[in-house]
C-alpha atoms as a PDB file:
ATOM      1  CA  MET A   1      72.347-110.714  -3.408  1.00  0.00           C
ATOM      2  CA  LEU A   2      73.325-112.949  -6.266  1.00  0.00           C
ATOM      3  CA  THR A   3      75.554-110.181  -8.586  1.00  0.00           C
ATOM      4  CA  ASN A   4      78.644-109.807  -6.281  1.00  0.00           C
ATOM      5  CA  HIS A   5      77.639-113.378  -4.264  1.00  0.00           C
ATOM      6  CA  PRO A   6      81.412-115.261  -4.967  1.00  0.00           C
ATOM      7  CA  LEU A   7      80.290-117.938  -6.737  1.00  0.00           C
ATOM      8  CA  LYS A   8      82.697-119.981  -9.399  1.00  0.00           C
ATOM      9  CA  PRO A   9      81.979-118.090 -12.818  1.00  0.00           C
ATOM     10  CA  GLU A  10      79.790-120.506 -13.973  1.00  0.00           C
ATOM     11  CA  TYR A  11      77.375-120.931 -11.339  1.00  0.00           C
ATOM     12  CA  ARG A  12      77.071-118.011 -11.889  1.00  0.00           C
ATOM     13  CA  GLN A  13      76.306-117.466 -15.116  1.00  0.00           C
ATOM     14  CA  ALA A  14      73.934-120.879 -14.238  1.00  0.00           C
ATOM     15  CA  VAL A  15      72.138-119.318 -12.249  1.00  0.00           C
ATOM     16  CA  MET A  16      71.588-116.061 -14.228  1.00  0.00           C
ATOM     17  CA  LYS A  17      70.231-118.045 -17.231  1.00  0.00           C
ATOM     18  CA  VAL A  18      67.663-119.434 -14.834  1.00  0.00           C
ATOM     19  CA  LEU A  19      66.459-116.876 -12.809  1.00  0.00           C
ATOM     20  CA  SER A  20      66.425-114.853 -16.578  1.00  0.00           C
ATOM     21  CA  TYR A  21      64.111-118.225 -17.385  1.00  0.00           C
ATOM     22  CA  ILE A  22      61.763-118.034 -14.364  1.00  0.00           C
ATOM     23  CA  ASN A  23      61.061-114.457 -15.073  1.00  0.00           C
ATOM     24  CA  GLN A  24      59.523-114.944 -18.674  1.00  0.00           C
ATOM     25  CA  ASN A  25      57.825-118.463 -17.632  1.00  0.00           C
ATOM     26  CA  LEU A  26      56.653-117.441 -14.069  1.00  0.00           C
ATOM     27  CA  ALA A  27      53.150-119.166 -15.246  1.00  0.00           C
ATOM     28  CA  GLY A  28      54.667-121.699 -16.603  1.00  0.00           C
ATOM     29  CA  ASP A  29      57.298-124.579 -16.475  1.00  0.00           C
ATOM     30  CA  VAL A  30      59.337-124.057 -13.749  1.00  0.00           C
ATOM     31  CA  SER A  31      59.647-127.276 -11.720  1.00  0.00           C
ATOM     32  CA  LEU A  32      63.329-128.278 -11.074  1.00  0.00           C
ATOM     33  CA  GLU A  33      63.860-130.818 -13.275  1.00  0.00           C
ATOM     34  CA  THR A  34      63.237-127.828 -16.075  1.00  0.00           C
ATOM     35  CA  MET A  35      65.916-125.068 -14.249  1.00  0.00           C
ATOM     36  CA  ALA A  36      68.063-127.610 -13.352  1.00  0.00           C
ATOM     37  CA  SER A  37      67.881-128.743 -16.870  1.00  0.00           C
ATOM     38  CA  ILE A  38      68.394-125.041 -18.468  1.00  0.00           C
ATOM     39  CA  ALA A  39      71.615-124.868 -16.146  1.00  0.00           C
ATOM     40  CA  ASN A  40      72.985-128.231 -16.885  1.00  0.00           C
ATOM     41  CA  TYR A  41      73.309-129.430 -13.597  1.00  0.00           C
ATOM     42  CA  SER A  42      71.656-132.289 -11.935  1.00  0.00           C
ATOM     43  CA  PRO A  43      68.726-131.024  -9.828  1.00  0.00           C
ATOM     44  CA  PHE A  44      70.710-132.108  -6.611  1.00  0.00           C
ATOM     45  CA  HIS A  45      73.546-129.818  -7.817  1.00  0.00           C
ATOM     46  CA  PHE A  46      71.825-127.300  -9.129  1.00  0.00           C
ATOM     47  CA  GLN A  47      69.236-126.495  -5.746  1.00  0.00           C
ATOM     48  CA  ARG A  48      72.544-126.325  -3.818  1.00  0.00           C
ATOM     49  CA  ILE A  49      74.006-123.945  -6.040  1.00  0.00           C
ATOM     50  CA  PHE A  50      70.834-121.846  -6.329  1.00  0.00           C
ATOM     51  CA  SER A  51      69.616-122.252  -2.781  1.00  0.00           C
ATOM     52  CA  GLU A  52      73.757-120.780  -2.106  1.00  0.00           C
ATOM     53  CA  ALA A  53      73.123-117.354  -5.001  1.00  0.00           C
ATOM     54  CA  VAL A  54      69.921-116.425  -4.111  1.00  0.00           C
ATOM     55  CA  SER A  55      69.444-116.923  -0.345  1.00  0.00           C
ATOM     56  CA  GLU A  56      66.051-118.895  -1.462  1.00  0.00           C
ATOM     57  CA  SER A  57      65.174-122.056  -2.585  1.00  0.00           C
ATOM     58  CA  PRO A  58      64.072-122.645  -6.122  1.00  0.00           C
ATOM     59  CA  LYS A  59      60.386-123.888  -4.946  1.00  0.00           C
ATOM     60  CA  GLN A  60      60.334-121.208  -2.358  1.00  0.00           C
ATOM     61  CA  TYR A  61      61.881-118.656  -4.849  1.00  0.00           C
ATOM     62  CA  VAL A  62      59.349-119.084  -7.839  1.00  0.00           C
ATOM     63  CA  ILE A  63      56.587-120.328  -5.106  1.00  0.00           C
ATOM     64  CA  ARG A  64      56.831-116.135  -3.468  1.00  0.00           C
ATOM     65  CA  LEU A  65      57.546-114.702  -6.630  1.00  0.00           C
ATOM     66  CA  ARG A  66      54.755-116.304  -7.655  1.00  0.00           C
ATOM     67  CA  LEU A  67      51.938-115.111  -4.678  1.00  0.00           C
ATOM     68  CA  GLU A  68      53.952-111.403  -5.312  1.00  0.00           C
ATOM     69  CA  ARG A  69      52.437-111.160  -8.396  1.00  0.00           C
ATOM     70  CA  ALA A  70      48.857-112.373  -7.671  1.00  0.00           C
ATOM     71  CA  ALA A  71      48.945-109.717  -4.746  1.00  0.00           C
ATOM     72  CA  HIS A  72      50.903-107.086  -7.256  1.00  0.00           C
ATOM     73  CA  PHE A  73      47.254-108.045  -9.741  1.00  0.00           C
ATOM     74  CA  ILE A  74      44.575-108.395  -6.872  1.00  0.00           C
ATOM     75  CA  LYS A  75      45.447-104.785  -5.782  1.00  0.00           C
ATOM     76  CA  LEU A  76      45.628-102.920  -9.013  1.00  0.00           C
ATOM     77  CA  PHE A  77      43.220-104.937 -11.120  1.00  0.00           C
ATOM     78  CA  PRO A  78      39.540-105.371  -8.740  1.00  0.00           C
ATOM     79  CA  ALA A  79      38.030-106.569 -12.280  1.00  0.00           C
ATOM     80  CA  LEU A  80      39.721-109.999 -12.326  1.00  0.00           C
ATOM     81  CA  SER A  81      38.325-112.604 -10.214  1.00  0.00           C
ATOM     82  CA  ILE A  82      40.995-114.391  -7.791  1.00  0.00           C
ATOM     83  CA  SER A  83      40.225-117.383  -9.806  1.00  0.00           C
ATOM     84  CA  GLU A  84      41.888-116.103 -12.938  1.00  0.00           C
ATOM     85  CA  ILE A  85      44.650-114.629 -11.098  1.00  0.00           C
ATOM     86  CA  ALA A  86      45.844-117.407  -9.179  1.00  0.00           C
ATOM     87  CA  LEU A  87      45.994-119.101 -12.928  1.00  0.00           C
ATOM     88  CA  GLY A  88      47.309-116.209 -14.898  1.00  0.00           C
ATOM     89  CA  SER A  89      50.113-116.212 -11.422  1.00  0.00           C
ATOM     90  CA  GLY A  90      50.673-120.570 -11.752  1.00  0.00           C
ATOM     91  CA  PHE A  91      48.902-122.080  -9.901  1.00  0.00           C
ATOM     92  CA  SER A  92      47.149-124.810 -11.091  1.00  0.00           C
ATOM     93  CA  SER A  93      44.337-124.841  -8.418  1.00  0.00           C
ATOM     94  CA  ASP A  94      42.179-122.516  -6.996  1.00  0.00           C
ATOM     95  CA  SER A  95      42.216-124.546  -3.404  1.00  0.00           C
ATOM     96  CA  ILE A  96      46.772-124.734  -4.373  1.00  0.00           C
ATOM     97  CA  PHE A  97      46.800-121.048  -4.041  1.00  0.00           C
ATOM     98  CA  SER A  98      44.045-119.965  -1.426  1.00  0.00           C
ATOM     99  CA  ARG A  99      46.014-122.035   0.764  1.00  0.00           C
ATOM    100  CA  ALA A 100      49.350-120.288  -0.264  1.00  0.00           C
ATOM    101  CA  PHE A 101      48.102-117.218  -0.171  1.00  0.00           C
ATOM    102  CA  LYS A 102      46.859-117.459   3.390  1.00  0.00           C
ATOM    103  CA  ASN A 103      50.025-119.357   4.378  1.00  0.00           C
ATOM    104  CA  TYR A 104      52.033-116.570   3.053  1.00  0.00           C
ATOM    105  CA  TYR A 105      49.958-113.345   2.921  1.00  0.00           C
ATOM    106  CA  GLY A 106      47.761-114.865   7.076  1.00  0.00           C
ATOM    107  CA  ILE A 107      44.624-113.708   5.241  1.00  0.00           C
ATOM    108  CA  THR A 108      42.743-114.949   2.404  1.00  0.00           C
ATOM    109  CA  ALA A 109      42.905-113.462  -0.866  1.00  0.00           C
ATOM    110  CA  GLU A 110      39.005-111.562  -0.697  1.00  0.00           C
ATOM    111  CA  MET A 111      40.141-110.096   2.292  1.00  0.00           C
ATOM    112  CA  TYR A 112      43.982-108.503   1.141  1.00  0.00           C
ATOM    113  CA  ARG A 113      41.612-107.123  -1.475  1.00  0.00           C
ATOM    114  CA  ASN A 114      39.704-105.046   0.806  1.00  0.00           C
ATOM    115  CA  LEU A 115      41.840-104.922   3.025  1.00  0.00           C
ATOM    116  CA  PRO A 116      42.412-101.322   4.100  1.00  0.00           C
ATOM    117  CA  SER A 117      45.888 -99.113   3.331  1.00  0.00           C
ATOM    118  CA  ASP A 118      46.808 -99.104   6.760  1.00  0.00           C
ATOM    119  CA  GLN A 119      46.619-102.649   7.561  1.00  0.00           C
ATOM    120  CA  MET A 120      47.651-104.007   4.445  1.00  0.00           C
ATOM    121  CA  ASN A 121      50.985-101.456   5.223  1.00  0.00           C
ATOM    122  CA  GLU A 122      51.224-103.248   8.429  1.00  0.00           C
ATOM    123  CA  ILE A 123      51.673-106.759   6.279  1.00  0.00           C
ATOM    124  CA  ASN A 124      54.326-104.925   4.167  1.00  0.00           C
ATOM    125  CA  LYS A 125      56.192-104.191   7.088  1.00  0.00           C
ATOM    126  CA  LYS A 126      56.140-107.771   8.744  1.00  0.00           C
ATOM    127  CA  ARG A 127      57.618-108.737   5.480  1.00  0.00           C
ATOM    128  CA  ASN A 128      60.089-106.433   4.410  1.00  0.00           C
ATOM    129  CA  SER A 129      61.475-106.745   8.577  1.00  0.00           C
ATOM    130  CA  GLN A 130      62.410-110.542   7.405  1.00  0.00           C
ATOM    131  CA  TYR A 131      64.339-109.757   5.035  1.00  0.00           C
ATOM    132  CA  PRO A 132      66.783-107.016   6.198  1.00  0.00           C
ATOM    133  CA  PHE A 133      68.505-104.948   3.778  1.00  0.00           C
ATOM    134  CA  ASP A 134      72.374-104.777   3.645  1.00  0.00           C
ATOM    135  CA  ASP A 135      72.381-101.015   3.987  1.00  0.00           C
ATOM    136  CA  ALA A 136      69.054-100.311   5.847  1.00  0.00           C
ATOM    137  CA  THR A 137      69.481 -96.637   5.203  1.00  0.00           C
ATOM    138  CA  TRP A 138      69.562 -96.122   1.442  1.00  0.00           C
ATOM    139  CA  ILE A 139      65.690 -96.218   0.931  1.00  0.00           C
ATOM    140  CA  THR A 140      63.155 -94.897   3.218  1.00  0.00           C
ATOM    141  CA  PRO A 141      60.419 -97.564   4.072  1.00  0.00           C
ATOM    142  CA  ILE A 142      57.003 -97.170   2.756  1.00  0.00           C
ATOM    143  CA  THR A 143      55.041 -97.033   5.603  1.00  0.00           C
ATOM    144  CA  ASN A 144      51.673 -95.676   4.243  1.00  0.00           C
ATOM    145  CA  ILE A 145      51.259 -95.486   0.933  1.00  0.00           C
ATOM    146  CA  ASP A 146      48.444 -92.557   1.415  1.00  0.00           C
ATOM    147  CA  GLU A 147      51.533 -90.293   3.046  1.00  0.00           C
ATOM    148  CA  ASN A 148      53.768 -90.923   0.317  1.00  0.00           C
ATOM    149  CA  ILE A 149      50.979 -90.380  -2.299  1.00  0.00           C
ATOM    150  CA  GLU A 150      50.656 -87.251  -0.181  1.00  0.00           C
ATOM    151  CA  LYS A 151      54.709 -86.141  -0.971  1.00  0.00           C
ATOM    152  CA  VAL A 152      54.580 -86.484  -4.601  1.00  0.00           C
ATOM    153  CA  ARG A 153      53.141 -83.778  -6.861  1.00  0.00           C
ATOM    154  CA  ILE A 154      53.184 -84.596 -10.667  1.00  0.00           C
ATOM    155  CA  GLU A 155      55.816 -81.499 -11.845  1.00  0.00           C
ATOM    156  CA  GLN A 156      55.193 -81.958 -15.469  1.00  0.00           C
ATOM    157  CA  THR A 157      52.503 -83.294 -17.279  1.00  0.00           C
ATOM    158  CA  PRO A 158      53.490 -86.885 -18.479  1.00  0.00           C
ATOM    159  CA  ILE A 159      53.527 -87.975 -22.101  1.00  0.00           C
ATOM    160  CA  LEU A 160      51.917 -90.275 -23.863  1.00  0.00           C
ATOM    161  CA  SER A 161      53.911 -92.440 -25.861  1.00  0.00           C
ATOM    162  CA  THR A 162      53.763 -95.766 -28.735  1.00  0.00           C
ATOM    163  CA  ILE A 163      56.891 -97.552 -28.412  1.00  0.00           C
ATOM    164  CA  PHE A 164      57.784 -99.678 -30.771  1.00  0.00           C
ATOM    165  CA  PRO A 165      59.755-103.277 -29.395  1.00  0.00           C
ATOM    166  CA  PHE A 166      63.261-103.838 -29.269  1.00  0.00           C
ATOM    167  CA  THR A 167      66.306-105.630 -26.665  1.00  0.00           C
ATOM    168  CA  ILE A 168      67.459-105.274 -23.816  1.00  0.00           C
ATOM    169  CA  ALA A 169      70.338-106.648 -22.787  1.00  0.00           C
ATOM    170  CA  CYS A 170      70.709-106.492 -19.161  1.00  0.00           C
ATOM    171  CA  VAL A 171      72.223-108.724 -15.510  1.00  0.00           C
ATOM    172  CA  GLN A 172      69.545-108.773 -12.574  1.00  0.00           C
ATOM    173  CA  THR A 173      70.105-107.048  -9.153  1.00  0.00           C
ATOM    174  CA  THR A 174      67.817-106.720  -6.164  1.00  0.00           C
ATOM    175  CA  LEU A 175      67.505-103.249  -4.436  1.00  0.00           C
ATOM    176  CA  SER A 176      69.198-104.789  -0.848  1.00  0.00           C
ATOM    177  CA  HIS A 177      72.257-102.670  -0.414  1.00  0.00           C
ATOM    178  CA  LYS A 178      72.766 -99.494  -2.854  1.00  0.00           C
ATOM    179  CA  GLU A 179      76.349-100.395  -4.377  1.00  0.00           C
ATOM    180  CA  ASN A 180      74.016-103.064  -6.136  1.00  0.00           C
ATOM    181  CA  ILE A 181      72.982-100.861  -9.547  1.00  0.00           C
ATOM    182  CA  ALA A 182      76.085 -99.813 -10.246  1.00  0.00           C
ATOM    183  CA  PHE A 183      78.145-103.427  -9.757  1.00  0.00           C
ATOM    184  CA  ALA A 184      74.890-104.392 -12.257  1.00  0.00           C
ATOM    185  CA  PHE A 185      75.917-102.232 -14.577  1.00  0.00           C
ATOM    186  CA  LYS A 186      79.770-102.412 -14.266  1.00  0.00           C
ATOM    187  CA  THR A 187      78.877-105.907 -14.908  1.00  0.00           C
ATOM    188  CA  LEU A 188      76.923-105.446 -18.250  1.00  0.00           C
ATOM    189  CA  PHE A 189      79.452-102.702 -19.225  1.00  0.00           C
ATOM    190  CA  LYS A 190      82.335-105.250 -18.484  1.00  0.00           C
ATOM    191  CA  TRP A 191      80.139-107.606 -21.170  1.00  0.00           C
ATOM    192  CA  ALA A 192      79.832-105.393 -23.932  1.00  0.00           C
ATOM    193  CA  ASN A 193      82.514-102.950 -24.105  1.00  0.00           C
ATOM    194  CA  PRO A 194      84.790-105.797 -25.448  1.00  0.00           C
ATOM    195  CA  ARG A 195      81.749-106.425 -28.219  1.00  0.00           C
ATOM    196  CA  GLY A 196      81.880-102.697 -29.383  1.00  0.00           C
ATOM    197  CA  LEU A 197      78.763-102.013 -28.008  1.00  0.00           C
ATOM    198  CA  VAL A 198      78.858 -99.739 -25.774  1.00  0.00           C
ATOM    199  CA  THR A 199      78.793 -96.053 -28.334  1.00  0.00           C
ATOM    200  CA  THR A 200      77.636 -92.729 -28.373  1.00  0.00           C
ATOM    201  CA  ASN A 201      73.847 -94.064 -29.321  1.00  0.00           C
ATOM    202  CA  THR A 202      73.519 -96.384 -26.452  1.00  0.00           C
ATOM    203  CA  LYS A 203      69.985 -96.730 -24.579  1.00  0.00           C
ATOM    204  CA  TYR A 204      70.321 -97.754 -21.106  1.00  0.00           C
ATOM    205  CA  PHE A 205      67.687 -98.663 -18.964  1.00  0.00           C
ATOM    206  CA  GLY A 206      66.335 -99.421 -15.291  1.00  0.00           C
ATOM    207  CA  ILE A 207      63.365-102.155 -15.545  1.00  0.00           C
ATOM    208  CA  TRP A 208      61.495-103.023 -12.554  1.00  0.00           C
ATOM    209  CA  LEU A 209      60.149-106.405 -12.169  1.00  0.00           C
ATOM    210  CA  ASP A 210      58.856-106.249  -8.794  1.00  0.00           C
ATOM    211  CA  PHE A 211      57.666-102.711  -6.458  1.00  0.00           C
ATOM    212  CA  PRO A 212      57.656-103.072  -2.979  1.00  0.00           C
ATOM    213  CA  PHE A 213      54.706-101.955  -2.164  1.00  0.00           C
ATOM    214  CA  ILE A 214      53.784-105.645  -1.735  1.00  0.00           C
ATOM    215  CA  THR A 215      57.005-107.334  -2.507  1.00  0.00           C
ATOM    216  CA  PRO A 216      60.105-106.489   0.379  1.00  0.00           C
ATOM    217  CA  TYR A 217      62.925-104.103  -0.317  1.00  0.00           C
ATOM    218  CA  ALA A 218      66.023-106.659  -0.634  1.00  0.00           C
ATOM    219  CA  LYS A 219      64.407-108.845  -2.682  1.00  0.00           C
ATOM    220  CA  CYS A 220      62.632-106.353  -5.273  1.00  0.00           C
ATOM    221  CA  ARG A 221      63.913-107.569  -8.763  1.00  0.00           C
ATOM    222  CA  PHE A 222      65.319-104.929 -10.928  1.00  0.00           C
ATOM    223  CA  LEU A 223      67.111-105.363 -13.944  1.00  0.00           C
ATOM    224  CA  CYS A 224      70.275-103.466 -15.564  1.00  0.00           C
ATOM    225  CA  GLY A 225      70.466-103.471 -19.187  1.00  0.00           C
ATOM    226  CA  MET A 226      70.808-101.554 -22.206  1.00  0.00           C
ATOM    227  CA  GLY A 227      69.816-101.899 -25.786  1.00  0.00           C
ATOM    228  CA  VAL A 228      71.004-104.066 -28.448  1.00  0.00           C
ATOM    229  CA  SER A 229      70.293-106.026 -32.118  1.00  0.00           C
ATOM    230  CA  PRO A 230      67.954-109.092 -31.345  1.00  0.00           C
ATOM    231  CA  GLU A 231      70.883-111.105 -32.847  1.00  0.00           C
ATOM    232  CA  ILE A 232      73.702-110.356 -30.199  1.00  0.00           C
ATOM    233  CA  LYS A 233      74.547-113.798 -28.533  1.00  0.00           C
ATOM    234  CA  LEU A 234      74.623-113.303 -24.786  1.00  0.00           C
ATOM    235  CA  SER A 235      77.232-114.689 -22.376  1.00  0.00           C
ATOM    236  CA  GLN A 236      78.936-114.486 -19.314  1.00  0.00           C
ATOM    237  CA  GLY A 237      75.098-114.645 -17.471  1.00  0.00           C
ATOM    238  CA  ILE A 238      73.951-112.325 -19.786  1.00  0.00           C
ATOM    239  CA  SER A 239      69.882-112.519 -20.678  1.00  0.00           C
ATOM    240  CA  SER A 240      67.991-110.316 -22.439  1.00  0.00           C
ATOM    241  CA  ILE A 241      64.464-109.065 -22.126  1.00  0.00           C
ATOM    242  CA  ASN A 242      62.132-108.163 -25.159  1.00  0.00           C
ATOM    243  CA  PHE A 243      60.899-104.348 -24.336  1.00  0.00           C
ATOM    244  CA  ASN A 244      57.093-104.665 -25.831  1.00  0.00           C
ATOM    245  CA  LYS A 245      55.271-102.575 -28.172  1.00  0.00           C
ATOM    246  CA  GLY A 246      52.679-100.548 -26.260  1.00  0.00           C
ATOM    247  CA  LEU A 247      51.508 -97.183 -24.892  1.00  0.00           C
ATOM    248  CA  TYR A 248      53.467 -95.314 -22.192  1.00  0.00           C
ATOM    249  CA  LEU A 249      53.101 -93.356 -20.056  1.00  0.00           C
ATOM    250  CA  ASN A 250      56.092 -90.847 -19.909  1.00  0.00           C
ATOM    251  CA  TYR A 251      57.827 -88.908 -16.689  1.00  0.00           C
ATOM    252  CA  SER A 252      61.023 -86.254 -16.239  1.00  0.00           C
ATOM    253  CA  LEU A 253      62.785 -87.177 -13.642  1.00  0.00           C
ATOM    254  CA  THR A 254      65.795 -86.853 -11.217  1.00  0.00           C
ATOM    255  CA  GLY A 255      66.374 -88.245  -8.090  1.00  0.00           C
ATOM    256  CA  ASN A 256      67.284 -91.527  -5.755  1.00  0.00           C
ATOM    257  CA  ILE A 257      65.035 -94.806  -5.139  1.00  0.00           C
ATOM    258  CA  ASP A 258      62.722 -92.657  -2.499  1.00  0.00           C
ATOM    259  CA  ILE A 259      61.821 -90.628  -5.269  1.00  0.00           C
ATOM    260  CA  THR A 260      61.203 -93.148  -8.286  1.00  0.00           C
ATOM    261  CA  LEU A 261      59.254 -94.906  -5.810  1.00  0.00           C
ATOM    262  CA  ASN A 262      57.233 -91.805  -5.169  1.00  0.00           C
ATOM    263  CA  SER A 263      56.713 -90.465  -9.044  1.00  0.00           C
ATOM    264  CA  LEU A 264      55.371 -94.453  -9.392  1.00  0.00           C
ATOM    265  CA  ILE A 265      52.761 -94.214  -6.351  1.00  0.00           C
ATOM    266  CA  ALA A 266      52.235 -90.238  -7.313  1.00  0.00           C
ATOM    267  CA  LEU A 267      51.360 -91.263 -10.754  1.00  0.00           C
ATOM    268  CA  ASN A 268      49.414 -94.847  -9.951  1.00  0.00           C
ATOM    269  CA  HIS A 269      47.288 -93.811  -7.428  1.00  0.00           C
ATOM    270  CA  ASN A 270      46.710 -90.144  -8.768  1.00  0.00           C
ATOM    271  CA  TYR A 271      46.962 -89.048 -12.356  1.00  0.00           C
ATOM    272  CA  ILE A 272      46.896 -92.550 -14.465  1.00  0.00           C
ATOM    273  CA  ASP A 273      43.511 -93.419 -13.346  1.00  0.00           C
ATOM    274  CA  SER A 274      42.235 -89.653 -13.632  1.00  0.00           C
ATOM    275  CA  ILE A 275      42.621 -89.502 -17.165  1.00  0.00           C
ATOM    276  CA  GLY A 276      41.821 -92.522 -18.332  1.00  0.00           C
ATOM    277  CA  TYR A 277      44.133 -95.004 -18.323  1.00  0.00           C
ATOM    278  CA  THR A 278      45.017 -98.236 -15.970  1.00  0.00           C
ATOM    279  CA  ILE A 279      48.429-100.515 -15.968  1.00  0.00           C
ATOM    280  CA  SER A 280      48.719-103.212 -18.605  1.00  0.00           C
ATOM    281  CA  GLU A 281      51.660-104.721 -17.537  1.00  0.00           C
ATOM    282  CA  MET A 282      53.535-104.792 -14.069  1.00  0.00           C
ATOM    283  CA  ILE A 283      56.806-103.504 -15.194  1.00  0.00           C
ATOM    284  CA  CYS A 284      57.871-100.617 -15.408  1.00  0.00           C
ATOM    285  CA  TYR A 285      61.268 -98.867 -17.692  1.00  0.00           C
ATOM    286  CA  GLU A 286      63.131 -96.481 -16.696  1.00  0.00           C
ATOM    287  CA  GLN A 287      65.348 -94.997 -18.937  1.00  0.00           C
ATOM    288  CA  PHE A 288      68.602 -93.357 -18.552  1.00  0.00           C
ATOM    289  CA  GLU A 289      69.827 -90.128 -20.038  1.00  0.00           C
ATOM    290  CA  GLU A 290      73.231 -90.433 -19.320  1.00  0.00           C
ATOM    291  CA  ASN A 291      75.810 -93.644 -19.114  1.00  0.00           C
ATOM    292  CA  PRO A 292      74.728 -95.426 -15.602  1.00  0.00           C
ATOM    293  CA  VAL A 293      78.443 -96.236 -15.114  1.00  0.00           C
ATOM    294  CA  GLU A 294      79.044 -92.972 -15.411  1.00  0.00           C
ATOM    295  CA  ILE A 295      76.905 -91.248 -13.627  1.00  0.00           C
ATOM    296  CA  PRO A 296      75.786 -92.487 -10.186  1.00  0.00           C
ATOM    297  CA  TYR A 297      71.939 -93.251 -10.324  1.00  0.00           C
ATOM    298  CA  GLU A 298      70.462 -90.447  -8.163  1.00  0.00           C
ATOM    299  CA  LYS A 299      72.272 -87.599 -10.174  1.00  0.00           C
ATOM    300  CA  THR A 300      71.159 -89.654 -13.609  1.00  0.00           C
ATOM    301  CA  ASN A 301      67.710 -87.263 -15.628  1.00  0.00           C
ATOM    302  CA  ARG A 302      66.122 -90.480 -16.711  1.00  0.00           C
ATOM    303  CA  GLN A 303      62.657 -90.954 -18.002  1.00  0.00           C
ATOM    304  CA  LEU A 304      59.797 -92.911 -16.495  1.00  0.00           C
ATOM    305  CA  LEU A 305      58.081 -95.445 -18.984  1.00  0.00           C
ATOM    306  CA  ILE A 306      54.624 -97.104 -17.473  1.00  0.00           C
ATOM    307  CA  PRO A 307      53.212 -99.409 -19.927  1.00  0.00           C
ATOM    308  CA  VAL A 308      48.949 -98.427 -19.605  1.00  0.00           C
ATOM    309  CA  LYS A 309      45.900 -99.188 -22.075  1.00  0.00           C
ATOM    310  CA  ILE A 310      42.782 -97.596 -22.356  1.00  0.00           C
ATOM    311  CA  LYS A 311      39.755 -98.547 -19.103  1.00  0.00           C
END
């Protein structure tokens, strides 16, 4: 877990800068030399710092993200060919992708696409067991997606709305421990408060870059963010992400991570398809209606914002 790892501040900032770059360039140039240059360290020194902070080498981290991205696309977008997904996930050839995918998941990408839910759940459980939680009690493991779908009813009709672009300043964390989200927001506020960025009009966001149906819980990337002017100069390990203009499914909820995940499952599998839409991006936003530093995550009223498009 990066944000509470006892790294030197300058190391932490360098790694956060590189993580932000990877998030936005996963299918592009994420070579060790490029990452080291962004961090302003030698490749040897950077690799040591990164591995200490993230508990994976830069190469392991990038390959895992690319494979998990591909796995998401394989299951969610059946119209896309395996070759298209491999290229879009950053693999230079089908053969390289095929070997890496089989080594990671134990089966071919074609087999994975047609895998029944119960067998997919077994693969996910094995992957989760390799990355134990810091606090294993705070999330209920998803062992059967079909059962989780049945747990949740859509309590109110979600709203479809077009949202215009803006910039979000953010701190990256993971779901490995129940305090990570609160810690990341406190880190963000420590940077934002002296700059006068925290006002009654400030918008706060949680941003899901990974989902534990495929990515191990302890490795799921989660950004804690706030809306800022594009001109704001970032520092102290704070990165930014652009909220893209588009059509979003807006759903209100309150509750813990389990409720959020089960709502996402229900919306994705029960609702979005039924109204003639599909997910347009592998990302999901939560907009907080209260200050996330003053109110715990599980008690905040939030809006799930899921990017969608017409099928």
